[in-house]
Amino acid sequence: MVQAYILIQTEVGKAAAVAGEIKDFQGVLSAEDVTGPYDVIVRAEADNVDQLGKMVVAKIQNVEGITRTLTCPVVHL
């Protein structure tokens, strides 16, 4: 199992709607709108890195209002 934080920038005023839509996606553990350089932070999991990438590219990046994403896989050192 691979987990990651996905940092999302949105169009002005779209953070709550984006977080609300993404939180219901399969594999999404949480989706919160935040302040700072990013507007939404998502915690997600998938069986492997390829499935995580497919989730980000095919699902999350297609949500209306998203302008940029940054995926940060969790590592266990």
N, C-alpha and C. Protein backbone atom coordinates (compact mmCIF):
# COMPACT_ATOMS: atom_id res chain seq x y z
N MET A 1 0.84 -1.18 0.00
CA MET A 1 0.00 0.00 0.00
C MET A 1 0.89 1.24 0.00
N VAL A 2 0.59 2.19 -0.87
CA VAL A 2 1.31 3.45 -0.98
C VAL A 2 0.36 4.57 -0.55
N GLN A 3 0.86 5.46 0.30
CA GLN A 3 0.08 6.62 0.70
C GLN A 3 0.81 7.88 0.26
N ALA A 4 0.04 8.95 0.05
CA ALA A 4 0.64 10.22 -0.39
C ALA A 4 -0.23 11.38 0.06
N TYR A 5 0.43 12.53 0.20
CA TYR A 5 -0.27 13.79 0.35
C TYR A 5 -0.28 14.44 -1.03
N ILE A 6 -1.42 14.93 -1.44
CA ILE A 6 -1.54 15.61 -2.72
C ILE A 6 -1.91 17.06 -2.41
N LEU A 7 -1.00 17.96 -2.76
CA LEU A 7 -1.20 19.38 -2.51
C LEU A 7 -1.80 20.00 -3.77
N ILE A 8 -2.88 20.73 -3.59
CA ILE A 8 -3.66 21.21 -4.74
C ILE A 8 -3.83 22.73 -4.68
N GLN A 9 -3.58 23.36 -5.81
CA GLN A 9 -3.91 24.78 -5.98
C GLN A 9 -5.18 24.84 -6.83
N THR A 10 -6.07 25.76 -6.46
CA THR A 10 -7.34 25.90 -7.17
C THR A 10 -7.54 27.32 -7.66
N GLU A 11 -8.54 27.48 -8.50
CA GLU A 11 -8.96 28.82 -8.88
C GLU A 11 -9.53 29.50 -7.62
N VAL A 12 -9.52 30.81 -7.61
CA VAL A 12 -10.01 31.57 -6.46
C VAL A 12 -11.46 31.18 -6.16
N GLY A 13 -11.71 30.87 -4.90
CA GLY A 13 -13.05 30.54 -4.45
C GLY A 13 -13.52 29.13 -4.71
N LYS A 14 -12.65 28.27 -5.22
CA LYS A 14 -13.05 26.90 -5.58
C LYS A 14 -12.59 25.83 -4.59
N ALA A 15 -11.82 26.19 -3.56
CA ALA A 15 -11.21 25.20 -2.67
C ALA A 15 -12.25 24.29 -2.01
N ALA A 16 -13.30 24.85 -1.45
CA ALA A 16 -14.29 24.04 -0.74
C ALA A 16 -14.99 23.06 -1.69
N ALA A 17 -15.32 23.51 -2.88
CA ALA A 17 -15.98 22.64 -3.85
C ALA A 17 -15.06 21.52 -4.31
N VAL A 18 -13.78 21.85 -4.54
CA VAL A 18 -12.80 20.84 -4.95
C VAL A 18 -12.63 19.80 -3.86
N ALA A 19 -12.42 20.23 -2.62
CA ALA A 19 -12.25 19.29 -1.50
C ALA A 19 -13.50 18.43 -1.34
N GLY A 20 -14.67 19.04 -1.46
CA GLY A 20 -15.92 18.30 -1.32
C GLY A 20 -16.09 17.22 -2.36
N GLU A 21 -15.67 17.47 -3.58
CA GLU A 21 -15.78 16.48 -4.65
C GLU A 21 -14.75 15.36 -4.48
N ILE A 22 -13.52 15.72 -4.16
CA ILE A 22 -12.44 14.74 -4.08
C ILE A 22 -12.60 13.81 -2.89
N LYS A 23 -13.18 14.27 -1.80
CA LYS A 23 -13.26 13.43 -0.59
C LYS A 23 -14.04 12.14 -0.81
N ASP A 24 -14.88 12.09 -1.83
CA ASP A 24 -15.67 10.90 -2.11
C ASP A 24 -15.00 9.93 -3.08
N PHE A 25 -13.83 10.26 -3.59
CA PHE A 25 -13.13 9.37 -4.52
C PHE A 25 -12.61 8.14 -3.78
N GLN A 26 -12.65 7.01 -4.45
CA GLN A 26 -12.07 5.80 -3.87
C GLN A 26 -10.57 5.99 -3.68
N GLY A 27 -10.07 5.63 -2.51
CA GLY A 27 -8.65 5.77 -2.20
C GLY A 27 -8.31 7.06 -1.47
N VAL A 28 -9.25 7.99 -1.40
CA VAL A 28 -9.00 9.25 -0.69
C VAL A 28 -9.37 9.07 0.77
N LEU A 29 -8.41 9.29 1.65
CA LEU A 29 -8.62 9.16 3.08
C LEU A 29 -9.16 10.44 3.68
N SER A 30 -8.70 11.59 3.17
CA SER A 30 -9.20 12.89 3.62
C SER A 30 -8.90 13.93 2.56
N ALA A 31 -9.72 14.99 2.56
CA ALA A 31 -9.52 16.12 1.66
C ALA A 31 -9.96 17.37 2.42
N GLU A 32 -9.01 18.24 2.69
CA GLU A 32 -9.28 19.43 3.51
C GLU A 32 -8.87 20.69 2.77
N ASP A 33 -9.72 21.73 2.85
CA ASP A 33 -9.29 23.02 2.31
C ASP A 33 -8.50 23.73 3.40
N VAL A 34 -7.40 24.35 2.98
CA VAL A 34 -6.43 24.96 3.90
C VAL A 34 -6.04 26.34 3.39
N THR A 35 -5.29 27.07 4.20
CA THR A 35 -4.75 28.35 3.76
C THR A 35 -3.26 28.19 3.50
N GLY A 36 -2.70 29.11 2.76
CA GLY A 36 -1.28 29.06 2.44
C GLY A 36 -1.08 28.93 0.94
N PRO A 37 0.09 28.45 0.52
CA PRO A 37 0.38 28.37 -0.91
C PRO A 37 -0.48 27.33 -1.64
N TYR A 38 -1.04 26.38 -0.90
CA TYR A 38 -1.95 25.38 -1.48
C TYR A 38 -3.33 25.59 -0.88
N ASP A 39 -4.34 25.20 -1.62
CA ASP A 39 -5.73 25.44 -1.21
C ASP A 39 -6.41 24.19 -0.65
N VAL A 40 -5.95 23.02 -1.09
CA VAL A 40 -6.53 21.75 -0.63
C VAL A 40 -5.39 20.77 -0.41
N ILE A 41 -5.47 20.00 0.68
CA ILE A 41 -4.52 18.92 0.91
C ILE A 41 -5.31 17.63 1.02
N VAL A 42 -4.90 16.65 0.22
CA VAL A 42 -5.56 15.35 0.17
C VAL A 42 -4.60 14.28 0.69
N ARG A 43 -5.11 13.37 1.50
CA ARG A 43 -4.35 12.17 1.90
C ARG A 43 -5.00 11.01 1.16
N ALA A 44 -4.20 10.29 0.38
CA ALA A 44 -4.74 9.21 -0.45
C ALA A 44 -3.88 7.97 -0.34
N GLU A 45 -4.47 6.83 -0.70
CA GLU A 45 -3.71 5.58 -0.73
C GLU A 45 -4.12 4.77 -1.94
N ALA A 46 -3.18 3.94 -2.39
CA ALA A 46 -3.40 3.05 -3.52
C ALA A 46 -2.53 1.81 -3.33
N ASP A 47 -2.80 0.78 -4.10
CA ASP A 47 -2.04 -0.46 -3.97
C ASP A 47 -0.58 -0.30 -4.36
N ASN A 48 -0.31 0.59 -5.33
CA ASN A 48 1.07 0.81 -5.78
C ASN A 48 1.20 2.21 -6.38
N VAL A 49 2.41 2.57 -6.72
CA VAL A 49 2.69 3.91 -7.24
C VAL A 49 1.96 4.16 -8.56
N ASP A 50 1.88 3.14 -9.41
CA ASP A 50 1.19 3.32 -10.69
C ASP A 50 -0.28 3.65 -10.48
N GLN A 51 -0.94 2.96 -9.57
CA GLN A 51 -2.35 3.23 -9.30
C GLN A 51 -2.53 4.61 -8.67
N LEU A 52 -1.58 5.00 -7.83
CA LEU A 52 -1.63 6.34 -7.24
C LEU A 52 -1.54 7.39 -8.35
N GLY A 53 -0.60 7.20 -9.26
CA GLY A 53 -0.45 8.13 -10.39
C GLY A 53 -1.70 8.21 -11.24
N LYS A 54 -2.33 7.06 -11.49
CA LYS A 54 -3.56 7.04 -12.28
C LYS A 54 -4.67 7.79 -11.57
N MET A 55 -4.75 7.64 -10.25
CA MET A 55 -5.76 8.37 -9.48
C MET A 55 -5.56 9.87 -9.63
N VAL A 56 -4.32 10.32 -9.51
CA VAL A 56 -4.04 11.75 -9.59
C VAL A 56 -4.33 12.28 -10.99
N VAL A 57 -3.83 11.61 -12.00
CA VAL A 57 -3.96 12.12 -13.37
C VAL A 57 -5.38 11.94 -13.93
N ALA A 58 -5.97 10.77 -13.74
CA ALA A 58 -7.26 10.49 -14.36
C ALA A 58 -8.44 11.01 -13.56
N LYS A 59 -8.31 11.12 -12.25
CA LYS A 59 -9.44 11.55 -11.44
C LYS A 59 -9.25 12.96 -10.87
N ILE A 60 -8.24 13.11 -10.04
CA ILE A 60 -8.10 14.36 -9.28
C ILE A 60 -7.82 15.54 -10.20
N GLN A 61 -6.90 15.40 -11.14
CA GLN A 61 -6.57 16.53 -12.00
C GLN A 61 -7.71 16.91 -12.95
N ASN A 62 -8.72 16.06 -13.07
CA ASN A 62 -9.87 16.37 -13.92
C ASN A 62 -10.98 17.11 -13.19
N VAL A 63 -10.81 17.35 -11.90
CA VAL A 63 -11.82 18.09 -11.14
C VAL A 63 -11.79 19.56 -11.56
N GLU A 64 -12.95 20.09 -11.86
CA GLU A 64 -13.05 21.49 -12.29
C GLU A 64 -12.59 22.42 -11.18
N GLY A 65 -11.74 23.38 -11.54
CA GLY A 65 -11.26 24.36 -10.58
C GLY A 65 -9.83 24.14 -10.13
N ILE A 66 -9.26 22.96 -10.42
CA ILE A 66 -7.87 22.68 -10.04
C ILE A 66 -6.93 23.27 -11.07
N THR A 67 -5.90 23.97 -10.60
CA THR A 67 -4.91 24.55 -11.51
C THR A 67 -3.57 23.82 -11.45
N ARG A 68 -3.26 23.19 -10.30
CA ARG A 68 -1.96 22.52 -10.17
C ARG A 68 -2.02 21.53 -9.00
N THR A 69 -1.27 20.41 -9.17
CA THR A 69 -1.15 19.45 -8.08
C THR A 69 0.31 19.12 -7.85
N LEU A 70 0.61 18.71 -6.63
CA LEU A 70 1.94 18.23 -6.26
C LEU A 70 1.74 17.00 -5.38
N THR A 71 2.21 15.85 -5.85
CA THR A 71 2.03 14.60 -5.13
C THR A 71 3.27 14.28 -4.32
N CYS A 72 3.09 14.05 -3.02
CA CYS A 72 4.19 13.78 -2.08
C CYS A 72 3.99 12.40 -1.45
N PRO A 73 4.61 11.35 -2.01
CA PRO A 73 4.45 10.02 -1.43
C PRO A 73 5.03 9.96 -0.01
N VAL A 74 4.36 9.22 0.85
CA VAL A 74 4.84 9.01 2.22
C VAL A 74 5.91 7.94 2.18
N VAL A 75 7.03 8.20 2.85
CA VAL A 75 8.11 7.22 2.95
C VAL A 75 8.31 6.85 4.42
N HIS A 76 8.74 5.65 4.64
CA HIS A 76 9.00 5.18 6.00
C HIS A 76 10.51 4.91 6.13
N LEU A 77 11.21 5.82 6.75
CA LEU A 77 12.68 5.72 6.86
C LEU A 77 13.08 5.00 8.11
